[in-house]
Structures are given as structure tokens and as C-alpha cells.
Amino acid sequence: MRHGKYHQQTPVPMWETLLKKGLRGIIQEAEAGIEKVRSGDEPDARKAWFWQAAKICCEAMIHYSRRYARLARELSQDETDANRRKELEQIADICERVPEYPARTLREAVQSRIIWGMAMKWPRSDTAGDQNGRMDQYFYPYFIQDIRDKRLTDEEAADLIGTVLSHSARLDGIRSATLGQASQGTLIINVMLGGLTPDGQDANNELTYLVLHMAGLLKYAEPHYTFRINAGTPRWALLKALATNRLVGGGQPQFMSDDHIVSYLVNQGETLEDARDWAGQG
């Protein structure tokens, strides 16, 4: 998790890591950490409790996903529409694999991302629980490979991205009336787009365009969108963000300056690579 400053947490999970490792990979790390404590290689015994807790949480998420797989399988057996039955069987197959194992396709990455997000609400019902972070970055490898390998059409990819955005729009949190009014609602979910890669290159890509396009079509009040701009932002990306802003209204996406924020984070002690990879909430 990446945390903000000034006592305000910015719980943006490291989605790239979670999608690539899967829960089974994290469990293996936890077991290795526990073994280090047992063997004496790690003197801080408290770390064993942390790793044990992490392992329990990961195993709970695996069971949670498998329950969805069983439900989808049961529904498919009673389904008379062939297309819907095939869709339910595909959902079951995917939920049996992710988030336990690394995602291989955009469908698996999206399903893994959604289950992770729902699980993050378990310990905190007062918020939406998770943040989308840089969606056009961590989904991009799966998206572009599926398109190149012709596993997905452009329309199917758009439908999957719309599914993620629609899922975020349906989330809610339980807060006091005072806090809800102060926050102008119960959701603080943000989708970060554009900006820079950690090595300083332009981060805008085909998925940046697609997410903006779907935001313009859906016109949801949530999630919020932030478009990161800097001196190197390409014209096509900026024009698409402006067009989306006019379609959605309400200042979506909002525009934030990479130049100022990256400079600020570096001055606060962050490495330049981490500063360029910033993501916020709200």
C-alpha cells in the first residue's frame, strides 16, 4: 500500500505486483518469512505474526473467489441461453484461477482486481475500501497483448473497462452524517490517467484513451478521474481528456500538474522514480 502524508492515508494498492504475483505468490513469501523467524535468521519474532496474518487473509480471499466460481458454475447448469451459459462458465474458470494465481489476460486481471477491491472493504466498512490507482498502466500489458493476439476485440476490451468503472460506481461506504457531509459523500475512489512512467517517459497509451472514452459514455458521478499533465503530454491525450471533461461535466477528469507534484514529492524525500509514479484519491 502507498500512504499519503499529513495523516491522510492514500490506500492505492500496488496493483502491478498483486496482479503479477497472485495470492499464492504472497503466501509463499509469507511462509518464507515465518520460516526465517523459526530458524533464527530473523530476530524479530513479531514479523512471524504479521506473515501469519497475511497468509490467513490471502487464503480467505482464495476461498472467497472460489465461492463465486461455484455460484457461477451452478448458475450455468440451469441457464438455457447458450451465450449466457458460456459466459457463466468462463466466469467460473477465471474465479477458480484468480486472484490465487497471476493474471494472464485482461479478463483475468479485471476479475482479480475486482475481487481484491471487494476484499479490501472487509476491515473498513466506512469507505469504499480501495483505489483504482493508475488503471491505464497496470492493465495495459494485459490489454495490449490480448489485442495483439486477437483474444479480445476493441468492443470486448471496452466492455471490460466499463465493467471495472461500473463496479466502482456501485460501491458505497458507511459513515457518520457529519463525515459524509464533510467528504461530500461516502466514496473517495479515483482513477489516475496519463502522466509519466517511473523512468520519465510519457505514460499515455491506448488504454488511457479507452478509459477516458468509457468515462464519457458512462457519465457516472463516481469514480472520479484525474488526468496527469506535464510538458510532454501528447496533444491527442490532452484533447481526449478535454472532450471527456465536457461530456461528463462536474470537472471529470480533473487536471493535475505532474511538474509541480513530482517536484513536491522529491522535496519531501521520495525518490524521483516513486514520485513520477504518484497516484491519489478523492
Foldseek 3Di string as FASTA:
>chain_A
DQADPPPHGFFADPLLVLQAAFLQNLLVVLVVQLVCCVVVVDVPNVSNVVSVVSNVLSVVLLVVLQVLLVVLQVVLVPDPDPVSSVVSNVSSVLSNDPSRGHDQALVNSLVNVLSVQVSQCVVAQQASRYECAAVCPSSVVRVVVCVVVVVDDPVRVLVSLLVSQVSQLPGFGDDDPVVCVVVVHRYWYEHEYWFAALVGHTSHDPVSLSNLVSCLVVLGPDDAYEYEDEPPDDPVSVVSQVVSCVRNDPCGHPYDYLVVQLVVVVVVPDDSSVSRSDDGID
